[in-house]
Amino acid sequence: MGLEVGRQLAEKGANIVIVARDQDKLSQAIEYIKQGALNPSIQKFHHISADLTLASESVRVIDEVVSWNSGPPDTVWCCAGTSHPTLFIDTPASKLQEQMDSNYFTSAYMAHATMTCWLKPLDQGKGDSNAGIARNSRRRLDAPLATRHLIFTASFLALYSFAGYAPYSPAKAALRSLSETLSQEMALYAASNPNLPHIRLHTLFPATILTEAYEAENRIKHGLTKKLEEDDDGQSPQVVASKSIKGLEKGLELITTDFLTELVKGSMLGGSLRGGFGRIIMDWILACVMGIGMVFVRADFDRKAKAWGRKFGVSEVKSDRV
């Protein structure tokens, strides 16, 4: 997904920096992204090898981007992560830590490094590009303010989880909680510093993405888990990236890429920003429908779990779907 996001943003004229651990894959990826550049003569591209499960690496990445870009990035999109879909007690405790590191802390550390870059100079009075923007804005108070974006990639499973995803779902749910918390904190900074760029938080909730990683997941996935998600046809990375970008362009804070996830989101919103009065009414209608519908969904999933247990037992992983 991250690869396709980079390509499609390059097609819109953006300068792109990508981050991953594997240097060879990075080199191949940046070439693919460059090929889609809208204005290849003026757009810039860069790649950084880093292990984002380490907080210090996120700081290093942001420092390198600031140096390369001669200023802070406008948009940071966190999409590192991997799923290890196994039953809870069949999962080694070390794997639980690994899943949290990969799916939550990579984004939390990057968010911390990014926001420190964007916001700490306000307190410390450092002469970076933030301070320059502030001085320019004071001279022209009628000038439009820039907006910076921090984007988290959660999952359908952050809204509704089921058997086989205990190692993975809690980390993605934590991302949603982090995003909503930071969204409120950014209101504090915006009110305290009205002449500085606004910071918007966004969280994506893709369902199944048809990639090599998904094929690898299916090789360890419990048969019951496959059974429960057998009606999910999945989406290509290109489709997920495109729909995610369209949601961002609409200014949405919580973004889905398929109708089923949109339905489930309607029953889980709580105090989340909705994106306008019309969407509030639509979400209310969907929540009313899903408040009843989810009773039947849960009953159906429980029925399938019991039927699987009677037929195969607990640890059996046979399934018609590979």
C-alpha atoms as a PDB file:
ATOM      1  CA  MET A   1       0.000   0.000   0.000  1.00  0.00           C
ATOM      2  CA  GLY A   2       2.785   2.406   0.918  1.00  0.00           C
ATOM      3  CA  LEU A   3       4.410   1.832  -2.463  1.00  0.00           C
ATOM      4  CA  GLU A   4       1.182   2.714  -4.292  1.00  0.00           C
ATOM      5  CA  VAL A   5       0.590   5.743  -2.069  1.00  0.00           C
ATOM      6  CA  GLY A   6       4.036   7.026  -3.002  1.00  0.00           C
ATOM      7  CA  ARG A   7       3.402   6.428  -6.711  1.00  0.00           C
ATOM      8  CA  GLN A   8      -0.007   8.106  -6.735  1.00  0.00           C
ATOM      9  CA  LEU A   9       1.201  11.126  -4.748  1.00  0.00           C
ATOM     10  CA  ALA A  10       4.125  11.460  -7.168  1.00  0.00           C
ATOM     11  CA  GLU A  11       1.570  11.488  -9.993  1.00  0.00           C
ATOM     12  CA  LYS A  12       0.000  14.493  -8.246  1.00  0.00           C
ATOM     13  CA  GLY A  13       3.342  16.331  -8.166  1.00  0.00           C
ATOM     14  CA  ALA A  14       4.587  15.597  -4.639  1.00  0.00           C
ATOM     15  CA  ASN A  15       8.190  15.220  -3.526  1.00  0.00           C
ATOM     16  CA  ILE A  16       8.507  11.797  -1.881  1.00  0.00           C
ATOM     17  CA  VAL A  17      10.641  10.188   0.815  1.00  0.00           C
ATOM     18  CA  ILE A  18      10.081   6.491   1.551  1.00  0.00           C
ATOM     19  CA  VAL A  19      11.358   4.542   4.554  1.00  0.00           C
ATOM     20  CA  ALA A  20      11.888   0.796   5.040  1.00  0.00           C
ATOM     21  CA  ARG A  21      14.569  -1.573   6.337  1.00  0.00           C
ATOM     22  CA  ASP A  22      15.560  -3.395   3.122  1.00  0.00           C
ATOM     23  CA  GLN A  23      17.904  -1.248   1.034  1.00  0.00           C
ATOM     24  CA  ASP A  24      17.425  -3.250  -2.175  1.00  0.00           C
ATOM     25  CA  LYS A  25      13.637  -3.029  -1.964  1.00  0.00           C
ATOM     26  CA  LEU A  26      13.909   0.691  -1.250  1.00  0.00           C
ATOM     27  CA  SER A  27      16.007   1.234  -4.382  1.00  0.00           C
ATOM     28  CA  GLN A  28      13.489  -0.635  -6.523  1.00  0.00           C
ATOM     29  CA  ALA A  29      10.540   1.132  -4.909  1.00  0.00           C
ATOM     30  CA  ILE A  30      11.878   4.645  -5.385  1.00  0.00           C
ATOM     31  CA  GLU A  31      12.488   3.948  -9.075  1.00  0.00           C
ATOM     32  CA  TYR A  32       8.879   2.768  -9.474  1.00  0.00           C
ATOM     33  CA  ILE A  33       7.630   5.900  -7.714  1.00  0.00           C
ATOM     34  CA  LYS A  34       9.841   8.182  -9.834  1.00  0.00           C
ATOM     35  CA  GLN A  35       8.342   6.743 -13.017  1.00  0.00           C
ATOM     36  CA  GLY A  36       4.985   8.247 -12.063  1.00  0.00           C
ATOM     37  CA  ALA A  37       6.278  11.786 -11.418  1.00  0.00           C
ATOM     38  CA  LEU A  38       3.997  14.523 -12.740  1.00  0.00           C
ATOM     39  CA  ASN A  39       6.941  16.939 -13.180  1.00  0.00           C
ATOM     40  CA  PRO A  40      10.081  14.767 -13.163  1.00  0.00           C
ATOM     41  CA  SER A  41      12.405  17.704 -13.818  1.00  0.00           C
ATOM     42  CA  ILE A  42      11.512  19.435 -10.545  1.00  0.00           C
ATOM     43  CA  GLN A  43      10.187  16.726  -8.227  1.00  0.00           C
ATOM     44  CA  LYS A  44      12.565  15.204  -5.672  1.00  0.00           C
ATOM     45  CA  PHE A  45      12.753  11.633  -4.400  1.00  0.00           C
ATOM     46  CA  HIS A  46      14.677  10.078  -1.552  1.00  0.00           C
ATOM     47  CA  HIS A  47      14.757   6.841   0.417  1.00  0.00           C
ATOM     48  CA  ILE A  48      16.010   6.042   3.925  1.00  0.00           C
ATOM     49  CA  SER A  49      16.786   2.654   5.428  1.00  0.00           C
ATOM     50  CA  ALA A  50      15.621   2.526   9.047  1.00  0.00           C
ATOM     51  CA  ASP A  51      14.106   0.213  11.644  1.00  0.00           C
ATOM     52  CA  LEU A  52      11.104   2.213  12.839  1.00  0.00           C
ATOM     53  CA  THR A  53      10.478  -0.084  15.811  1.00  0.00           C
ATOM     54  CA  LEU A  54      13.256   1.975  17.450  1.00  0.00           C
ATOM     55  CA  ALA A  55      12.317   5.466  18.625  1.00  0.00           C
ATOM     56  CA  SER A  56      15.772   6.829  17.820  1.00  0.00           C
ATOM     57  CA  GLU A  57      15.413   5.774  14.189  1.00  0.00           C
ATOM     58  CA  SER A  58      12.271   7.858  13.744  1.00  0.00           C
ATOM     59  CA  VAL A  59      14.150  10.879  15.066  1.00  0.00           C
ATOM     60  CA  ARG A  60      17.003  10.169  12.642  1.00  0.00           C
ATOM     61  CA  VAL A  61      14.585   9.837   9.723  1.00  0.00           C
ATOM     62  CA  ILE A  62      12.878  13.149  10.444  1.00  0.00           C
ATOM     63  CA  ASP A  63      16.225  14.911  10.899  1.00  0.00           C
ATOM     64  CA  GLU A  64      17.419  13.538   7.551  1.00  0.00           C
ATOM     65  CA  VAL A  65      14.195  14.570   5.806  1.00  0.00           C
ATOM     66  CA  VAL A  66      14.448  18.102   7.241  1.00  0.00           C
ATOM     67  CA  SER A  67      18.028  18.371   5.960  1.00  0.00           C
ATOM     68  CA  TRP A  68      17.182  16.904   2.532  1.00  0.00           C
ATOM     69  CA  ASN A  69      14.040  19.006   2.169  1.00  0.00           C
ATOM     70  CA  SER A  70      15.457  22.208   3.699  1.00  0.00           C
ATOM     71  CA  GLY A  71      12.528  22.161   6.102  1.00  0.00           C
ATOM     72  CA  PRO A  72       9.994  19.865   7.781  1.00  0.00           C
ATOM     73  CA  PRO A  73       7.804  17.553   5.686  1.00  0.00           C
ATOM     74  CA  ASP A  74       4.231  18.663   5.021  1.00  0.00           C
ATOM     75  CA  THR A  75       2.756  15.167   5.229  1.00  0.00           C
ATOM     76  CA  VAL A  76       3.882  12.060   7.118  1.00  0.00           C
ATOM     77  CA  TRP A  77       2.047   8.829   6.304  1.00  0.00           C
ATOM     78  CA  CYS A  78       2.628   5.948   8.741  1.00  0.00           C
ATOM     79  CA  CYS A  79       1.914   2.603   7.103  1.00  0.00           C
ATOM     80  CA  ALA A  80       4.530   0.218   8.511  1.00  0.00           C
ATOM     81  CA  GLY A  81       3.098  -2.976   9.952  1.00  0.00           C
ATOM     82  CA  THR A  82       2.509  -6.677   9.559  1.00  0.00           C
ATOM     83  CA  SER A  83      -0.119  -9.158  10.699  1.00  0.00           C
ATOM     84  CA  HIS A  84       0.486 -12.456  12.495  1.00  0.00           C
ATOM     85  CA  PRO A  85      -3.026 -13.964  12.497  1.00  0.00           C
ATOM     86  CA  THR A  86      -2.998 -16.856  14.973  1.00  0.00           C
ATOM     87  CA  LEU A  87      -5.106 -17.900  17.948  1.00  0.00           C
ATOM     88  CA  PHE A  88      -4.086 -16.073  21.114  1.00  0.00           C
ATOM     89  CA  ILE A  89      -2.682 -18.978  23.146  1.00  0.00           C
ATOM     90  CA  ASP A  90      -0.976 -20.405  20.067  1.00  0.00           C
ATOM     91  CA  THR A  91       0.966 -17.157  19.719  1.00  0.00           C
ATOM     92  CA  PRO A  92       4.355 -16.879  21.503  1.00  0.00           C
ATOM     93  CA  ALA A  93       4.447 -14.004  23.978  1.00  0.00           C
ATOM     94  CA  SER A  94       7.403 -12.573  22.061  1.00  0.00           C
ATOM     95  CA  LYS A  95       5.204 -12.345  18.962  1.00  0.00           C
ATOM     96  CA  LEU A  96       2.649 -10.260  20.891  1.00  0.00           C
ATOM     97  CA  GLN A  97       5.400  -7.741  21.645  1.00  0.00           C
ATOM     98  CA  GLU A  98       6.577  -7.877  18.034  1.00  0.00           C
ATOM     99  CA  GLN A  99       3.067  -7.143  16.739  1.00  0.00           C
ATOM    100  CA  MET A 100       2.726  -4.130  19.025  1.00  0.00           C
ATOM    101  CA  ASP A 101       6.168  -2.870  17.997  1.00  0.00           C
ATOM    102  CA  SER A 102       5.446  -3.301  14.291  1.00  0.00           C
ATOM    103  CA  ASN A 103       1.857  -2.057  14.154  1.00  0.00           C
ATOM    104  CA  TYR A 104       1.669   0.531  16.931  1.00  0.00           C
ATOM    105  CA  PHE A 105       5.065   1.764  18.046  1.00  0.00           C
ATOM    106  CA  THR A 106       6.398   2.340  14.513  1.00  0.00           C
ATOM    107  CA  SER A 107       3.602   4.882  14.067  1.00  0.00           C
ATOM    108  CA  ALA A 108       3.676   6.230  17.625  1.00  0.00           C
ATOM    109  CA  TYR A 109       7.439   6.838  17.478  1.00  0.00           C
ATOM    110  CA  MET A 110       7.181   8.470  14.042  1.00  0.00           C
ATOM    111  CA  ALA A 111       4.295  10.652  15.229  1.00  0.00           C
ATOM    112  CA  HIS A 112       6.323  11.724  18.250  1.00  0.00           C
ATOM    113  CA  ALA A 113       9.391  12.582  16.156  1.00  0.00           C
ATOM    114  CA  THR A 114       7.264  14.406  13.565  1.00  0.00           C
ATOM    115  CA  MET A 115       5.283  16.489  16.032  1.00  0.00           C
ATOM    116  CA  THR A 116       8.422  17.299  17.987  1.00  0.00           C
ATOM    117  CA  CYS A 117       9.862  18.651  14.745  1.00  0.00           C
ATOM    118  CA  TRP A 118       6.693  20.608  13.959  1.00  0.00           C
ATOM    119  CA  LEU A 119       5.870  21.915  17.421  1.00  0.00           C
ATOM    120  CA  LYS A 120       8.825  21.938  19.819  1.00  0.00           C
ATOM    121  CA  PRO A 121      10.471  24.993  18.227  1.00  0.00           C
ATOM    122  CA  LEU A 122       7.420  26.957  19.363  1.00  0.00           C
ATOM    123  CA  ASP A 123       8.509  26.405  22.956  1.00  0.00           C
ATOM    124  CA  GLN A 124      12.246  26.546  22.430  1.00  0.00           C
ATOM    125  CA  GLY A 125      12.405  29.504  20.057  1.00  0.00           C
ATOM    126  CA  LYS A 126      14.652  27.729  17.569  1.00  0.00           C
ATOM    127  CA  GLY A 127      15.183  29.413  14.232  1.00  0.00           C
ATOM    128  CA  ASP A 128      13.822  26.680  11.968  1.00  0.00           C
ATOM    129  CA  SER A 129      11.269  26.876   9.193  1.00  0.00           C
ATOM    130  CA  ASN A 130       8.391  26.904  11.696  1.00  0.00           C
ATOM    131  CA  ALA A 131       9.680  30.128  13.175  1.00  0.00           C
ATOM    132  CA  GLY A 132      10.111  31.533   9.681  1.00  0.00           C
ATOM    133  CA  ILE A 133       6.520  30.693   8.834  1.00  0.00           C
ATOM    134  CA  ALA A 134       5.383  32.352  12.026  1.00  0.00           C
ATOM    135  CA  ARG A 135       7.258  35.568  11.247  1.00  0.00           C
ATOM    136  CA  ASN A 136       5.912  35.636   7.692  1.00  0.00           C
ATOM    137  CA  SER A 137       2.379  35.011   8.912  1.00  0.00           C
ATOM    138  CA  ARG A 138       2.566  37.904  11.340  1.00  0.00           C
ATOM    139  CA  ARG A 139       3.498  40.189   8.478  1.00  0.00           C
ATOM    140  CA  ARG A 140       0.552  38.945   6.369  1.00  0.00           C
ATOM    141  CA  LEU A 141      -2.267  37.866   8.637  1.00  0.00           C
ATOM    142  CA  ASP A 142      -4.614  37.517   5.671  1.00  0.00           C
ATOM    143  CA  ALA A 143      -2.364  34.955   3.953  1.00  0.00           C
ATOM    144  CA  PRO A 144      -3.771  31.409   3.816  1.00  0.00           C
ATOM    145  CA  LEU A 145      -2.278  29.032   6.358  1.00  0.00           C
ATOM    146  CA  ALA A 146      -0.579  25.848   5.275  1.00  0.00           C
ATOM    147  CA  THR A 147      -1.854  22.556   6.661  1.00  0.00           C
ATOM    148  CA  ARG A 148       0.297  19.637   7.717  1.00  0.00           C
ATOM    149  CA  HIS A 149      -1.008  16.087   7.818  1.00  0.00           C
ATOM    150  CA  LEU A 150      -0.128  13.097   9.979  1.00  0.00           C
ATOM    151  CA  ILE A 151      -1.744   9.898   8.713  1.00  0.00           C
ATOM    152  CA  PHE A 152      -2.059   6.585  10.550  1.00  0.00           C
ATOM    153  CA  THR A 153      -2.922   3.298   8.847  1.00  0.00           C
ATOM    154  CA  ALA A 154      -5.141   1.206  11.121  1.00  0.00           C
ATOM    155  CA  SER A 155      -7.429  -1.583   9.906  1.00  0.00           C
ATOM    156  CA  PHE A 156     -11.003  -2.788   9.650  1.00  0.00           C
ATOM    157  CA  LEU A 157     -10.003  -4.925  12.628  1.00  0.00           C
ATOM    158  CA  ALA A 158      -9.585  -1.804  14.746  1.00  0.00           C
ATOM    159  CA  LEU A 159     -13.360  -1.390  14.429  1.00  0.00           C
ATOM    160  CA  TYR A 160     -14.437  -5.028  14.653  1.00  0.00           C
ATOM    161  CA  SER A 161     -12.111  -7.908  15.420  1.00  0.00           C
ATOM    162  CA  PHE A 162     -12.729 -11.649  15.419  1.00  0.00           C
ATOM    163  CA  ALA A 163     -11.087 -14.999  16.175  1.00  0.00           C
ATOM    164  CA  GLY A 164      -7.478 -15.261  15.017  1.00  0.00           C
ATOM    165  CA  TYR A 165      -6.490 -11.610  15.188  1.00  0.00           C
ATOM    166  CA  ALA A 166      -5.757 -11.201  18.919  1.00  0.00           C
ATOM    167  CA  PRO A 167      -2.045 -10.510  18.267  1.00  0.00           C
ATOM    168  CA  TYR A 168      -2.831  -7.845  15.646  1.00  0.00           C
ATOM    169  CA  SER A 169      -6.115  -6.044  16.305  1.00  0.00           C
ATOM    170  CA  PRO A 170      -5.245  -4.384  19.667  1.00  0.00           C
ATOM    171  CA  ALA A 171      -2.287  -2.568  18.095  1.00  0.00           C
ATOM    172  CA  LYS A 172      -4.489  -1.177  15.311  1.00  0.00           C
ATOM    173  CA  ALA A 173      -7.199  -0.173  17.784  1.00  0.00           C
ATOM    174  CA  ALA A 174      -4.523   1.663  19.776  1.00  0.00           C
ATOM    175  CA  LEU A 175      -3.658   3.677  16.662  1.00  0.00           C
ATOM    176  CA  ARG A 176      -7.221   4.920  16.395  1.00  0.00           C
ATOM    177  CA  SER A 177      -7.161   5.951  20.056  1.00  0.00           C
ATOM    178  CA  LEU A 178      -3.809   7.711  19.607  1.00  0.00           C
ATOM    179  CA  SER A 179      -5.075   9.582  16.556  1.00  0.00           C
ATOM    180  CA  GLU A 180      -8.182  10.883  18.328  1.00  0.00           C
ATOM    181  CA  THR A 181      -6.114  11.961  21.342  1.00  0.00           C
ATOM    182  CA  LEU A 182      -3.596  13.817  19.199  1.00  0.00           C
ATOM    183  CA  SER A 183      -6.387  15.426  17.197  1.00  0.00           C
ATOM    184  CA  GLN A 184      -7.602  17.141  20.373  1.00  0.00           C
ATOM    185  CA  GLU A 185      -4.078  18.108  21.381  1.00  0.00           C
ATOM    186  CA  MET A 186      -3.576  19.755  17.993  1.00  0.00           C
ATOM    187  CA  ALA A 187      -6.603  21.952  18.731  1.00  0.00           C
ATOM    188  CA  LEU A 188      -4.651  23.224  21.743  1.00  0.00           C
ATOM    189  CA  TYR A 189      -1.625  24.111  19.627  1.00  0.00           C
ATOM    190  CA  ALA A 190      -3.773  25.681  16.911  1.00  0.00           C
ATOM    191  CA  ALA A 191      -5.509  27.943  19.433  1.00  0.00           C
ATOM    192  CA  SER A 192      -2.211  28.867  21.102  1.00  0.00           C
ATOM    193  CA  ASN A 193      -0.424  29.590  17.809  1.00  0.00           C
ATOM    194  CA  PRO A 194      -3.041  30.761  15.265  1.00  0.00           C
ATOM    195  CA  ASN A 195      -0.410  32.046  12.818  1.00  0.00           C
ATOM    196  CA  LEU A 196       1.293  28.686  12.358  1.00  0.00           C
ATOM    197  CA  PRO A 197       0.379  25.814  10.023  1.00  0.00           C
ATOM    198  CA  HIS A 198      -2.559  23.730  11.176  1.00  0.00           C
ATOM    199  CA  ILE A 199      -1.934  20.037  11.858  1.00  0.00           C
ATOM    200  CA  ARG A 200      -4.583  17.508  10.846  1.00  0.00           C
ATOM    201  CA  LEU A 201      -4.758  13.898  12.048  1.00  0.00           C
ATOM    202  CA  HIS A 202      -6.191  11.140   9.843  1.00  0.00           C
ATOM    203  CA  THR A 203      -6.668   7.401  10.344  1.00  0.00           C
ATOM    204  CA  LEU A 204      -7.288   4.862   7.588  1.00  0.00           C
ATOM    205  CA  PHE A 205      -9.197   1.615   8.044  1.00  0.00           C
ATOM    206  CA  PRO A 206      -8.461  -0.636   5.060  1.00  0.00           C
ATOM    207  CA  ALA A 207      -9.776  -4.201   5.067  1.00  0.00           C
ATOM    208  CA  THR A 208      -7.995  -7.011   3.212  1.00  0.00           C
ATOM    209  CA  ILE A 209      -5.239  -5.780   0.885  1.00  0.00           C
ATOM    210  CA  LEU A 210      -4.238  -8.324  -1.754  1.00  0.00           C
ATOM    211  CA  THR A 211      -0.454  -8.404  -1.440  1.00  0.00           C
ATOM    212  CA  GLU A 212       2.342 -10.934  -0.949  1.00  0.00           C
ATOM    213  CA  ALA A 213       2.066 -10.264   2.793  1.00  0.00           C
ATOM    214  CA  TYR A 214      -1.587 -11.346   2.695  1.00  0.00           C
ATOM    215  CA  GLU A 215      -0.614 -14.587   0.981  1.00  0.00           C
ATOM    216  CA  ALA A 216       1.989 -15.177   3.713  1.00  0.00           C
ATOM    217  CA  GLU A 217      -0.636 -14.548   6.405  1.00  0.00           C
ATOM    218  CA  ASN A 218      -2.901 -17.193   4.894  1.00  0.00           C
ATOM    219  CA  ARG A 219      -0.165 -19.792   5.309  1.00  0.00           C
ATOM    220  CA  ILE A 220      -0.310 -19.450   9.126  1.00  0.00           C
ATOM    221  CA  LYS A 221      -3.912 -18.315   9.539  1.00  0.00           C
ATOM    222  CA  HIS A 222      -6.299 -20.572  11.433  1.00  0.00           C
ATOM    223  CA  GLY A 223      -8.978 -22.199   9.308  1.00  0.00           C
ATOM    224  CA  LEU A 224     -11.725 -20.582  11.377  1.00  0.00           C
ATOM    225  CA  THR A 225     -10.274 -17.144  10.674  1.00  0.00           C
ATOM    226  CA  LYS A 226     -10.339 -17.883   6.942  1.00  0.00           C
ATOM    227  CA  LYS A 227     -13.913 -19.081   7.276  1.00  0.00           C
ATOM    228  CA  LEU A 228     -15.031 -15.914   9.045  1.00  0.00           C
ATOM    229  CA  GLU A 229     -13.526 -13.650   6.386  1.00  0.00           C
ATOM    230  CA  GLU A 230     -14.418 -15.746   3.354  1.00  0.00           C
ATOM    231  CA  ASP A 231     -16.878 -13.118   2.056  1.00  0.00           C
ATOM    232  CA  ASP A 232     -14.146 -10.456   1.948  1.00  0.00           C
ATOM    233  CA  ASP A 233     -12.824 -10.352  -1.617  1.00  0.00           C
ATOM    234  CA  GLY A 234     -10.134  -7.844  -0.698  1.00  0.00           C
ATOM    235  CA  GLN A 235      -8.816  -4.845  -2.614  1.00  0.00           C
ATOM    236  CA  SER A 236      -5.646  -4.219  -4.562  1.00  0.00           C
ATOM    237  CA  PRO A 237      -3.026  -1.854  -3.083  1.00  0.00           C
ATOM    238  CA  GLN A 238      -3.742   0.555  -5.943  1.00  0.00           C
ATOM    239  CA  VAL A 239      -7.443   0.779  -5.028  1.00  0.00           C
ATOM    240  CA  VAL A 240      -6.750   1.179  -1.318  1.00  0.00           C
ATOM    241  CA  ALA A 241      -4.205   3.928  -1.970  1.00  0.00           C
ATOM    242  CA  SER A 242      -6.520   5.754  -4.364  1.00  0.00           C
ATOM    243  CA  LYS A 243      -9.524   5.676  -2.043  1.00  0.00           C
ATOM    244  CA  SER A 244      -7.378   6.692   0.917  1.00  0.00           C
ATOM    245  CA  ILE A 245      -6.036   9.722  -0.942  1.00  0.00           C
ATOM    246  CA  LYS A 246      -9.551  10.715  -2.029  1.00  0.00           C
ATOM    247  CA  GLY A 247     -10.664  10.581   1.607  1.00  0.00           C
ATOM    248  CA  LEU A 248      -7.768  12.813   2.591  1.00  0.00           C
ATOM    249  CA  GLU A 249      -8.607  15.273  -0.166  1.00  0.00           C
ATOM    250  CA  LYS A 250     -12.143  15.484   1.244  1.00  0.00           C
ATOM    251  CA  GLY A 251     -10.695  16.402   4.626  1.00  0.00           C
ATOM    252  CA  LEU A 252     -11.969  13.282   6.422  1.00  0.00           C
ATOM    253  CA  GLU A 253     -10.370  12.283   9.718  1.00  0.00           C
ATOM    254  CA  LEU A 254     -11.488   8.635   9.690  1.00  0.00           C
ATOM    255  CA  ILE A 255     -11.230   7.090   6.230  1.00  0.00           C
ATOM    256  CA  THR A 256     -12.550   3.777   4.937  1.00  0.00           C
ATOM    257  CA  THR A 257     -11.911   2.191   1.547  1.00  0.00           C
ATOM    258  CA  ASP A 258     -14.934  -0.122   1.198  1.00  0.00           C
ATOM    259  CA  PHE A 259     -18.642  -0.042   2.058  1.00  0.00           C
ATOM    260  CA  LEU A 260     -18.597  -2.789   4.691  1.00  0.00           C
ATOM    261  CA  THR A 261     -15.946  -0.976   6.734  1.00  0.00           C
ATOM    262  CA  GLU A 262     -17.958   2.234   6.361  1.00  0.00           C
ATOM    263  CA  LEU A 263     -20.968   0.442   7.817  1.00  0.00           C
ATOM    264  CA  VAL A 264     -19.016  -0.938  10.762  1.00  0.00           C
ATOM    265  CA  LYS A 265     -17.358   2.433  11.383  1.00  0.00           C
ATOM    266  CA  GLY A 266     -20.806   3.964  11.786  1.00  0.00           C
ATOM    267  CA  SER A 267     -21.376   1.866  14.890  1.00  0.00           C
ATOM    268  CA  MET A 268     -17.996   2.721  16.486  1.00  0.00           C
ATOM    269  CA  LEU A 269     -17.505   6.470  16.168  1.00  0.00           C
ATOM    270  CA  GLY A 270     -17.971   7.760  19.708  1.00  0.00           C
ATOM    271  CA  GLY A 271     -16.542  11.281  19.856  1.00  0.00           C
ATOM    272  CA  SER A 272     -14.678  11.110  16.553  1.00  0.00           C
ATOM    273  CA  LEU A 273     -14.851  14.004  14.107  1.00  0.00           C
ATOM    274  CA  ARG A 274     -17.385  13.164  11.405  1.00  0.00           C
ATOM    275  CA  GLY A 275     -16.616  15.584   8.566  1.00  0.00           C
ATOM    276  CA  GLY A 276     -19.723  17.749   8.383  1.00  0.00           C
ATOM    277  CA  PHE A 277     -23.412  17.718   9.354  1.00  0.00           C
ATOM    278  CA  GLY A 278     -24.440  15.568   6.390  1.00  0.00           C
ATOM    279  CA  ARG A 279     -22.014  12.850   7.388  1.00  0.00           C
ATOM    280  CA  ILE A 280     -23.245  13.027  10.988  1.00  0.00           C
ATOM    281  CA  ILE A 281     -26.785  12.266   9.806  1.00  0.00           C
ATOM    282  CA  MET A 282     -25.551   9.452   7.563  1.00  0.00           C
ATOM    283  CA  ASP A 283     -23.418   7.995  10.357  1.00  0.00           C
ATOM    284  CA  TRP A 284     -26.433   8.119  12.688  1.00  0.00           C
ATOM    285  CA  ILE A 285     -28.551   6.219  10.168  1.00  0.00           C
ATOM    286  CA  LEU A 286     -25.815   3.643   9.649  1.00  0.00           C
ATOM    287  CA  ALA A 287     -25.321   3.306  13.411  1.00  0.00           C
ATOM    288  CA  CYS A 288     -29.039   2.635  13.870  1.00  0.00           C
ATOM    289  CA  VAL A 289     -28.939  -0.023  11.171  1.00  0.00           C
ATOM    290  CA  MET A 290     -25.721  -1.582  12.440  1.00  0.00           C
ATOM    291  CA  GLY A 291     -26.847  -1.522  16.057  1.00  0.00           C
ATOM    292  CA  ILE A 292     -29.320  -4.190  14.979  1.00  0.00           C
ATOM    293  CA  GLY A 293     -27.206  -5.690  12.209  1.00  0.00           C
ATOM    294  CA  MET A 294     -24.173  -6.362  14.404  1.00  0.00           C
ATOM    295  CA  VAL A 295     -26.308  -8.550  16.685  1.00  0.00           C
ATOM    296  CA  PHE A 296     -26.834 -10.867  13.729  1.00  0.00           C
ATOM    297  CA  VAL A 297     -23.220 -10.566  12.559  1.00  0.00           C
ATOM    298  CA  ARG A 298     -21.902 -11.595  15.983  1.00  0.00           C
ATOM    299  CA  ALA A 299     -24.425 -14.428  16.211  1.00  0.00           C
ATOM    300  CA  ASP A 300     -23.348 -15.668  12.775  1.00  0.00           C
ATOM    301  CA  PHE A 301     -19.651 -15.537  13.689  1.00  0.00           C
ATOM    302  CA  ASP A 302     -20.299 -17.385  16.962  1.00  0.00           C
ATOM    303  CA  ARG A 303     -22.300 -20.033  15.085  1.00  0.00           C
ATOM    304  CA  LYS A 304     -19.427 -20.573  12.652  1.00  0.00           C
ATOM    305  CA  ALA A 305     -16.898 -20.762  15.497  1.00  0.00           C
ATOM    306  CA  LYS A 306     -18.940 -23.423  17.306  1.00  0.00           C
ATOM    307  CA  ALA A 307     -19.495 -25.394  14.111  1.00  0.00           C
ATOM    308  CA  TRP A 308     -15.772 -25.310  13.378  1.00  0.00           C
ATOM    309  CA  GLY A 309     -14.922 -26.476  16.889  1.00  0.00           C
ATOM    310  CA  ARG A 310     -17.337 -29.412  16.685  1.00  0.00           C
ATOM    311  CA  LYS A 311     -16.009 -30.447  13.286  1.00  0.00           C
ATOM    312  CA  PHE A 312     -12.269 -29.881  13.570  1.00  0.00           C
ATOM    313  CA  GLY A 313     -11.432 -29.146  17.207  1.00  0.00           C
ATOM    314  CA  VAL A 314      -9.370 -26.168  18.357  1.00  0.00           C
ATOM    315  CA  SER A 315      -6.028 -26.350  16.604  1.00  0.00           C
ATOM    316  CA  GLU A 316      -7.100 -27.796  13.258  1.00  0.00           C
ATOM    317  CA  VAL A 317      -6.414 -25.359  10.411  1.00  0.00           C
ATOM    318  CA  LYS A 318      -8.172 -27.085   7.519  1.00  0.00           C
ATOM    319  CA  SER A 319     -10.147 -24.794   5.255  1.00  0.00           C
ATOM    320  CA  ASP A 320     -11.585 -24.716   1.769  1.00  0.00           C
ATOM    321  CA  ARG A 321      -9.976 -21.329   1.292  1.00  0.00           C
ATOM    322  CA  VAL A 322      -6.211 -21.122   0.758  1.00  0.00           C
END
